[in-house]
Every structure is written in structure tokens, then in C-alpha cells.
Amino acid sequence: MNNFFISEEEFIDRYIRQVIPYEGFVIGKGYAYFWYDTYFPTTHNSGGQMFWDRYTPTVLVQNINSSDYMIERSLNVSPVDISKMLMRTNLDGTMTVSLGINKEVTLSKEHGKFQVTIEDTGSEVNVHVAISDIKYENGVKKEFMSTQSCRLKDFSHFFSPVSQSFYPIRTEFPYLPSLIDIGNLNVGGASTLFANHAQYWKYNELWHKTKTKGVSWRFQSRWNKPMSKTYRNIQIKPLQGARAAERAAGKILRPAGGALIVADVALSGEIRLSHGINGLMIGLSLTGWGSVVAGIWFIADFGIMGVNYILGNEARGLGDIIDDATFGGAIIELYEGLY
């Protein structure tokens, strides 16, 4: 069983309409699988003689296992996803947790505990919500504990989520992340091309590829020798035009890259680690060696995204993978975004 997850829109547009086989989960629909049916030759009688049909077509059959269990698996929710839907933090530091339809409990800032676990039994996915708290009333210590459980498929009926978005991947505006990615692809690609044309990977403030003595590094004593400076200037002189073009383009591309980061934060309603990395790369690109580092990041990020897309996985780049592995997606949740 493949652990791939795609939206229903991608399943239809990319696979069904283009007659491409897909095996993996379709979010909210179940587990998609396929097989090939071959129609073997048959005989028929014509005028007392037996004939064989020579046409033996092979047909792709795509199907979805839409059992309750497979639909639960396809949602790909984590305890963090459930927690975000059931709990909100109040201004005074307390937590308000939903424990059922129209049933909310406020936990104290000092002693309140809230935990969500997800249990996959192999035939159903269960959600367990546990809370505990200690409160003092008239000087008397009172401890409170409660546990609620239900199947994931019954979650929205059993609980009254603080957030009404049940699916972890929102589809109200599915094209917005793609537009941001396209913008980053164009800005990053253009910046990398300009930096490559300026040959910063050979000649920059930290290292310089000499004609006969290998690579000279800034921390080496020979870097500051008068003849070394002269030879460096002679080697990079033919690149002055390309470097001037890179600096001019950078005055447009760097603000554009920053604007895309701000737009992604504003539209998603969250700040992710990848936003910080992309911002750092924009800052580094002000230098020659930094342009090389930023170019490597760009190639790695979108290269991995392209490989994942070709392999039939969700188009996720290196930044997405880092986000998921470190903070589960977001460092700071600002508000409910559009995606």
C-alpha cells in the first residue's frame, strides 16, 4: 500500500483525464488502485466455419476502495491537526477545549493538560482526547480528568470543532499555493541564471579559481598579495557586464522574492521555517558567494519538488519537507488562512 496523498481534483485532472494509473490515497475519498484487464480472443461461427477474433485489447481499470477505514486513512490527519480543531488558546493563557457537541471546557494556564492520540487498529481509526486540570475552589484542591473517544469518521458528529475545517488540506482556493510556487520558481530561476552567468561560482568574495594554482581562499595569506589582487581583477574584468546585469536584476528580483514570502504568510495565515530560509537566501544573494548558496537551495528545493511530482507523489519541495519534519508545518499560527 502506497503512502501517497493527493486531492480529488489532482486525481481527476492528472490521472483520470490523462488515463494515467495511480495507486495511493485520495483525500476524503479512500484508497485508489488499478489493474489491467485483457480481453482474450473469442470464437464465433460464420457459415459453418469457426473464426478467432484477433483483437485482444488491454484496458486500464482504476478504482477506489471507499470503505470507512480507507476514507479515514485518506484524511491523513495527525494529533496536531485534531488539536488545532478542538483547542484554542485564550488571551489570559487558558485553553478552551471541545469535548462534544456544545460542550466546552476551559483549562487553567498553570495545570491544564490536553492530549490527542490517534489509534489505527487496522480496521478503523480512532481518536482519543484526554484532558486534566487542577483547580482550587475555596482553598480546596480539585482534580479533573476526562477522556473522550470516537472513530475518525464520526469526529465532526461527535465533537464540535473550534475550527470548522475538518480536512487538513484545504481546497477552497487550491490554486493559490501553485501560484506562489510558480512565482518562486520564476524569481529563483531568474536569480540563479543571472548568478551563473556572472560566474560567482568561480569568482567571488570568499574563493577565486586561479588559472594555474587551483582555488585561492580569502583566509589564505596569498589572497591579499598585490599580484593576487591584480590577477583576480584581470580574470573578472570580462564579467563586469554580466555582474552589472545581475546587480540590476537583483534590485527587482529580491524585492519580488520578499513580496512572495509576505504573500504566502498572509494567504496561509502561518509562518513556517521555510519562510525564514527563503528570506535568508534573499539576504545572502546580496553577495557573490551567497548567490551560489541561494542557487543551490533553489535547485535542491524545486528539484526535489519536481522528482516528487514525477514519481506521482504530492509536489512537495525541500522547504515543505523541512517544515513537516521540524514544526509540523507552522512555527506560528496567525489565523485561519485560505490554504
Protein backbone atom coordinates (compact mmCIF):
# COMPACT_ATOMS: atom_id res chain seq x y z
CA MET A 1 0.00 0.00 0.00
CA ASN A 2 1.47 3.34 -1.09
CA ASN A 3 1.57 6.15 1.43
CA PHE A 4 0.82 8.88 -1.14
CA PHE A 5 -1.88 11.51 -0.65
CA ILE A 6 -3.39 13.69 -3.38
CA SER A 7 -6.54 15.78 -3.63
CA GLU A 8 -9.62 14.66 -5.55
CA GLU A 9 -9.01 17.47 -8.05
CA GLU A 10 -5.48 16.27 -8.79
CA PHE A 11 -6.67 12.67 -9.03
CA ILE A 12 -9.23 13.59 -11.68
CA ASP A 13 -7.21 16.17 -13.62
CA ARG A 14 -3.82 14.49 -13.59
CA TYR A 15 -4.69 10.80 -13.63
CA ILE A 16 -8.25 10.06 -14.70
CA ARG A 17 -8.46 12.55 -17.56
CA GLN A 18 -4.98 11.68 -18.82
CA VAL A 19 -5.54 7.92 -18.33
CA ILE A 20 -2.54 7.56 -16.04
CA PRO A 21 -2.68 4.81 -13.39
CA TYR A 22 -2.45 5.90 -9.76
CA GLU A 23 -2.17 3.93 -6.56
CA GLY A 24 -2.41 5.82 -3.30
CA PHE A 25 -4.83 7.75 -1.14
CA VAL A 26 -7.26 10.34 -2.47
CA ILE A 27 -8.01 12.72 0.39
CA GLY A 28 -11.53 12.24 1.71
CA LYS A 29 -12.34 9.53 -0.86
CA GLY A 30 -10.33 6.43 0.02
CA TYR A 31 -7.54 4.35 -1.49
CA ALA A 32 -7.13 4.35 -5.28
CA TYR A 33 -5.75 1.31 -7.05
CA PHE A 34 -5.72 -0.07 -10.57
CA TRP A 35 -5.34 -3.19 -12.65
CA TYR A 36 -5.29 -4.13 -16.32
CA ASP A 37 -8.00 -6.24 -17.92
CA THR A 38 -7.17 -8.11 -21.11
CA TYR A 39 -9.93 -9.37 -23.39
CA PHE A 40 -8.75 -12.63 -24.91
CA PRO A 41 -9.74 -13.83 -28.41
CA THR A 42 -13.16 -15.38 -28.73
CA THR A 43 -14.59 -17.68 -31.40
CA HIS A 44 -17.67 -17.25 -33.48
CA ASN A 45 -19.41 -19.34 -36.15
CA SER A 46 -19.85 -17.89 -39.61
CA GLY A 47 -21.23 -20.04 -42.39
CA GLY A 48 -20.34 -23.23 -40.61
CA GLN A 49 -16.71 -22.16 -40.07
CA MET A 50 -15.08 -21.16 -36.78
CA PHE A 51 -13.19 -17.88 -36.60
CA TRP A 52 -10.96 -16.34 -33.92
CA ASP A 53 -11.13 -12.64 -33.11
CA ARG A 54 -7.57 -11.39 -33.28
CA TYR A 55 -8.19 -8.17 -31.36
CA THR A 56 -7.08 -8.55 -27.73
CA PRO A 57 -7.34 -5.15 -26.06
CA THR A 58 -5.83 -4.41 -22.65
CA VAL A 59 -7.84 -1.91 -20.64
CA LEU A 60 -6.73 0.11 -17.61
CA VAL A 61 -9.22 -0.17 -14.75
CA GLN A 62 -8.94 2.46 -12.00
CA ASN A 63 -10.94 2.02 -8.83
CA ILE A 64 -11.20 3.45 -5.29
CA ASN A 65 -11.70 1.50 -2.08
CA SER A 66 -14.13 3.83 -0.32
CA SER A 67 -14.67 1.83 2.84
CA ASP A 68 -14.96 3.78 6.09
CA TYR A 69 -11.48 2.69 7.13
CA MET A 70 -9.84 3.74 3.86
CA ILE A 71 -11.59 7.10 3.95
CA GLU A 72 -10.31 7.59 7.49
CA ARG A 73 -6.78 6.69 6.36
CA SER A 74 -7.04 9.02 3.36
CA LEU A 75 -7.64 12.04 5.60
CA ASN A 76 -4.01 11.76 6.78
CA VAL A 77 -4.72 13.68 9.97
CA SER A 78 -2.27 13.88 12.84
CA PRO A 79 -2.82 14.56 16.55
CA VAL A 80 -1.64 18.12 15.84
CA ASP A 81 -4.41 18.54 13.23
CA ILE A 82 -7.05 17.33 15.68
CA SER A 83 -5.64 19.51 18.47
CA LYS A 84 -5.90 22.61 16.32
CA MET A 85 -9.57 21.86 15.68
CA LEU A 86 -10.50 21.15 19.29
CA MET A 87 -8.43 23.64 21.26
CA ARG A 88 -7.95 27.38 21.24
CA THR A 89 -5.70 29.46 23.46
CA ASN A 90 -7.36 32.40 25.18
CA LEU A 91 -5.81 35.80 25.82
CA ASP A 92 -5.32 35.03 29.52
CA GLY A 93 -3.34 31.88 28.73
CA THR A 94 -6.11 29.40 29.49
CA MET A 95 -7.22 26.75 26.98
CA THR A 96 -10.74 26.11 25.78
CA VAL A 97 -11.29 22.53 24.61
CA SER A 98 -14.30 20.98 22.88
CA LEU A 99 -15.30 17.65 24.38
CA GLY A 100 -18.52 17.10 22.48
CA ILE A 101 -21.38 18.85 20.78
CA ASN A 102 -21.94 22.18 22.55
CA LYS A 103 -19.66 21.07 25.37
CA GLU A 104 -16.56 23.15 26.05
CA VAL A 105 -14.15 23.04 28.99
CA THR A 106 -11.68 25.78 29.94
CA LEU A 107 -8.39 24.55 31.37
CA SER A 108 -6.17 26.62 33.62
CA LYS A 109 -2.90 28.07 32.38
CA GLU A 110 -0.83 26.52 35.17
CA HIS A 111 -2.14 22.95 35.41
CA GLY A 112 -4.30 22.31 32.37
CA LYS A 113 -3.21 19.46 30.11
CA PHE A 114 -4.67 18.46 26.75
CA GLN A 115 -3.59 15.48 24.67
CA VAL A 116 -4.85 13.89 21.46
CA THR A 117 -3.82 10.43 20.28
CA ILE A 118 -4.81 8.59 17.12
CA GLU A 119 -5.09 4.81 17.10
CA ASP A 120 -5.06 2.81 13.87
CA THR A 121 -6.30 -0.70 14.61
CA GLY A 122 -6.03 -1.91 11.03
CA SER A 123 -9.78 -1.80 10.56
CA GLU A 124 -10.66 1.62 11.95
CA VAL A 125 -9.00 4.86 13.02
CA ASN A 126 -9.93 6.08 16.49
CA VAL A 127 -9.40 9.49 18.09
CA HIS A 128 -8.77 9.74 21.83
CA VAL A 129 -8.94 13.11 23.57
CA ALA A 130 -7.74 13.39 27.18
CA ILE A 131 -7.74 16.45 29.43
CA SER A 132 -6.80 17.05 33.03
CA ASP A 133 -6.66 20.07 35.30
CA ILE A 134 -6.21 21.16 38.89
CA LYS A 135 -8.32 23.97 40.32
CA TYR A 136 -8.73 25.45 43.75
CA GLU A 137 -12.17 26.38 44.99
CA ASN A 138 -12.43 27.94 48.45
CA GLY A 139 -8.96 26.66 49.21
CA VAL A 140 -9.90 23.10 48.30
CA LYS A 141 -7.83 21.35 45.63
CA LYS A 142 -9.93 19.67 42.94
CA GLU A 143 -8.53 17.47 40.20
CA PHE A 144 -10.40 16.93 36.96
CA MET A 145 -9.78 14.27 34.32
CA SER A 146 -11.77 13.25 31.27
CA THR A 147 -11.27 11.10 28.17
CA GLN A 148 -13.44 11.02 25.06
CA SER A 149 -13.06 8.66 22.11
CA CYS A 150 -14.69 8.13 18.75
CA ARG A 151 -13.96 6.86 15.26
CA LEU A 152 -12.37 9.40 12.97
CA LYS A 153 -15.27 9.11 10.53
CA ASP A 154 -17.64 10.25 13.30
CA PHE A 155 -15.39 13.04 14.50
CA SER A 156 -17.39 16.01 13.19
CA HIS A 157 -20.61 14.50 14.61
CA PHE A 158 -19.16 13.54 17.97
CA PHE A 159 -17.18 16.72 18.63
CA SER A 160 -17.92 20.37 17.98
CA PRO A 161 -14.63 21.56 16.49
CA VAL A 162 -13.39 25.06 17.26
CA SER A 163 -12.20 25.14 13.65
CA GLN A 164 -14.82 24.04 11.15
CA SER A 165 -12.29 22.88 8.55
CA PHE A 166 -12.16 19.09 9.01
CA TYR A 167 -9.70 18.22 6.26
CA PRO A 168 -6.05 19.07 6.93
CA ILE A 169 -5.57 20.13 3.29
CA ARG A 170 -7.97 22.91 2.41
CA THR A 171 -9.43 23.12 -1.08
CA GLU A 172 -11.39 26.37 -1.07
CA PHE A 173 -8.57 28.02 -3.05
CA PRO A 174 -6.43 25.11 -4.29
CA TYR A 175 -4.70 27.20 -6.94
CA LEU A 176 -3.15 29.76 -4.58
CA PRO A 177 -0.20 27.59 -3.37
CA SER A 178 0.54 26.74 -7.01
CA LEU A 179 0.62 30.43 -7.93
CA ILE A 180 3.06 31.12 -5.08
CA ASP A 181 5.23 28.19 -6.24
CA ILE A 182 5.18 29.46 -9.83
CA GLY A 183 6.22 32.90 -8.63
CA ASN A 184 9.08 31.44 -6.56
CA LEU A 185 10.12 29.25 -9.48
CA ASN A 186 10.39 32.24 -11.80
CA VAL A 187 12.13 34.54 -9.32
CA GLY A 188 14.51 31.85 -8.06
CA GLY A 189 15.23 30.55 -11.55
CA ALA A 190 15.99 34.02 -12.90
CA SER A 191 18.26 34.83 -9.93
CA THR A 192 20.14 31.55 -10.36
CA LEU A 193 20.63 32.15 -14.09
CA PHE A 194 21.98 35.67 -13.55
CA ALA A 195 24.35 34.45 -10.82
CA ASN A 196 25.56 31.61 -13.03
CA HIS A 197 26.14 33.98 -15.96
CA ALA A 198 28.17 36.23 -13.66
CA GLN A 199 30.23 33.14 -12.69
CA TYR A 200 30.03 33.77 -8.96
CA TRP A 201 30.53 30.05 -8.51
CA LYS A 202 34.12 30.55 -9.74
CA TYR A 203 34.95 34.06 -8.61
CA ASN A 204 33.53 35.74 -5.51
CA GLU A 205 34.48 37.34 -2.20
CA LEU A 206 35.38 34.02 -0.50
CA TRP A 207 37.10 31.98 -3.19
CA HIS A 208 38.67 32.51 -6.59
CA LYS A 209 39.62 29.89 -9.16
CA THR A 210 43.07 30.76 -10.45
CA LYS A 211 44.43 29.70 -13.82
CA THR A 212 47.38 27.67 -12.55
CA LYS A 213 47.27 27.37 -8.73
CA GLY A 214 43.84 25.93 -8.02
CA VAL A 215 41.38 27.72 -5.80
CA SER A 216 42.50 30.67 -3.72
CA TRP A 217 40.60 31.25 -0.46
CA ARG A 218 40.13 34.53 1.37
CA PHE A 219 41.58 33.14 4.61
CA GLN A 220 44.87 32.24 2.85
CA SER A 221 47.83 34.59 3.08
CA ARG A 222 48.26 34.78 -0.70
CA TRP A 223 44.77 36.32 -1.07
CA ASN A 224 45.97 39.79 -0.07
CA LYS A 225 49.19 39.77 -2.06
CA PRO A 226 49.30 42.63 -4.59
CA MET A 227 49.79 40.36 -7.59
CA SER A 228 46.90 38.14 -6.49
CA LYS A 229 44.59 41.15 -6.43
CA THR A 230 45.81 42.18 -9.85
CA TYR A 231 45.26 38.74 -11.36
CA ARG A 232 41.77 38.50 -9.82
CA ASN A 233 40.79 41.82 -11.34
CA ILE A 234 42.13 40.73 -14.71
CA GLN A 235 40.14 37.46 -14.61
CA ILE A 236 36.82 39.01 -13.63
CA LYS A 237 37.10 42.04 -15.92
CA PRO A 238 35.31 40.28 -18.83
CA LEU A 239 32.43 39.53 -16.41
CA GLN A 240 31.77 43.13 -15.39
CA GLY A 241 28.85 43.43 -17.81
CA ALA A 242 27.25 40.19 -16.57
CA ARG A 243 27.71 41.23 -12.95
CA ALA A 244 26.23 44.64 -13.57
CA ALA A 245 23.21 42.93 -15.14
CA GLU A 246 22.95 40.62 -12.10
CA ARG A 247 23.00 43.57 -9.71
CA ALA A 248 20.35 45.40 -11.73
CA ALA A 249 18.14 42.30 -11.87
CA GLY A 250 18.65 41.74 -8.15
CA LYS A 251 17.10 45.11 -7.40
CA ILE A 252 13.88 43.72 -8.90
CA LEU A 253 14.09 40.01 -8.07
CA ARG A 254 14.99 40.33 -4.38
CA PRO A 255 12.00 42.57 -3.54
CA ALA A 256 9.82 40.26 -5.63
CA GLY A 257 11.05 37.26 -3.62
CA GLY A 258 10.35 39.09 -0.38
CA ALA A 259 6.87 40.02 -1.59
CA LEU A 260 6.15 36.36 -2.36
CA ILE A 261 7.14 35.38 1.19
CA VAL A 262 4.85 38.05 2.64
CA ALA A 263 2.03 36.97 0.31
CA ASP A 264 2.44 33.31 1.33
CA VAL A 265 2.32 34.24 5.03
CA ALA A 266 -0.72 36.47 4.51
CA LEU A 267 -2.65 33.92 2.44
CA SER A 268 -1.76 30.84 4.51
CA GLY A 269 -2.12 32.59 7.87
CA GLU A 270 1.04 30.99 9.23
CA ILE A 271 4.78 31.49 9.49
CA ARG A 272 6.87 28.46 8.53
CA LEU A 273 10.56 27.67 8.86
CA SER A 274 10.86 27.67 5.06
CA HIS A 275 9.81 31.33 5.07
CA GLY A 276 12.84 32.10 7.22
CA ILE A 277 15.12 30.03 4.99
CA ASN A 278 13.87 31.76 1.84
CA GLY A 279 14.31 35.15 3.50
CA LEU A 280 17.85 34.21 4.49
CA MET A 281 18.63 33.20 0.90
CA ILE A 282 17.37 36.56 -0.35
CA GLY A 283 19.74 38.29 2.07
CA LEU A 284 22.68 36.06 1.14
CA SER A 285 22.15 36.76 -2.56
CA LEU A 286 23.42 40.31 -1.95
CA THR A 287 26.90 38.76 -2.06
CA GLY A 288 28.56 36.69 -4.76
CA TRP A 289 29.16 33.61 -2.62
CA GLY A 290 25.67 33.99 -1.16
CA SER A 291 24.23 33.87 -4.65
CA VAL A 292 25.85 30.46 -5.05
CA VAL A 293 24.34 29.22 -1.76
CA ALA A 294 20.91 30.60 -2.73
CA GLY A 295 21.18 28.93 -6.13
CA ILE A 296 21.98 25.56 -4.53
CA TRP A 297 18.98 25.94 -2.22
CA PHE A 298 16.71 26.83 -5.13
CA ILE A 299 17.85 23.84 -7.21
CA ALA A 300 17.50 21.46 -4.24
CA ASP A 301 14.07 22.80 -3.25
CA PHE A 302 12.44 22.71 -6.66
CA GLY A 303 14.46 19.71 -7.83
CA ILE A 304 13.01 17.58 -5.03
CA MET A 305 9.57 19.03 -5.78
CA GLY A 306 9.92 18.01 -9.43
CA VAL A 307 11.09 14.49 -8.55
CA ASN A 308 8.16 14.02 -6.16
CA TYR A 309 5.74 15.21 -8.83
CA ILE A 310 7.19 12.90 -11.49
CA LEU A 311 7.04 9.93 -9.10
CA GLY A 312 3.34 10.58 -8.56
CA ASN A 313 3.73 11.99 -5.07
CA GLU A 314 2.42 15.30 -3.90
CA ALA A 315 4.58 18.11 -5.37
CA ARG A 316 6.48 18.92 -2.18
CA GLY A 317 9.87 20.59 -2.18
CA LEU A 318 12.72 20.56 0.31
CA GLY A 319 11.19 23.50 2.18
CA ASP A 320 7.90 21.61 2.65
CA ILE A 321 9.76 18.54 3.92
CA ILE A 322 11.75 20.64 6.42
CA ASP A 323 8.55 22.33 7.62
CA ASP A 324 6.84 18.99 8.25
CA ALA A 325 9.88 17.50 9.97
CA THR A 326 10.51 20.39 12.37
CA PHE A 327 7.34 22.17 13.42
CA GLY A 328 4.65 20.01 11.81
CA GLY A 329 4.04 22.73 9.22
CA ALA A 330 3.93 26.07 11.02
CA ILE A 331 6.06 27.84 13.62
CA ILE A 332 3.36 30.41 14.35
CA GLU A 333 -0.34 30.14 13.50
CA LEU A 334 -1.55 33.69 12.89
CA TYR A 335 -5.10 33.00 11.73
CA GLU A 336 -7.15 30.68 9.52
CA GLY A 337 -5.67 31.20 6.07
CA LEU A 338 -7.04 30.49 2.62
CA TYR A 339 -4.99 27.28 2.25
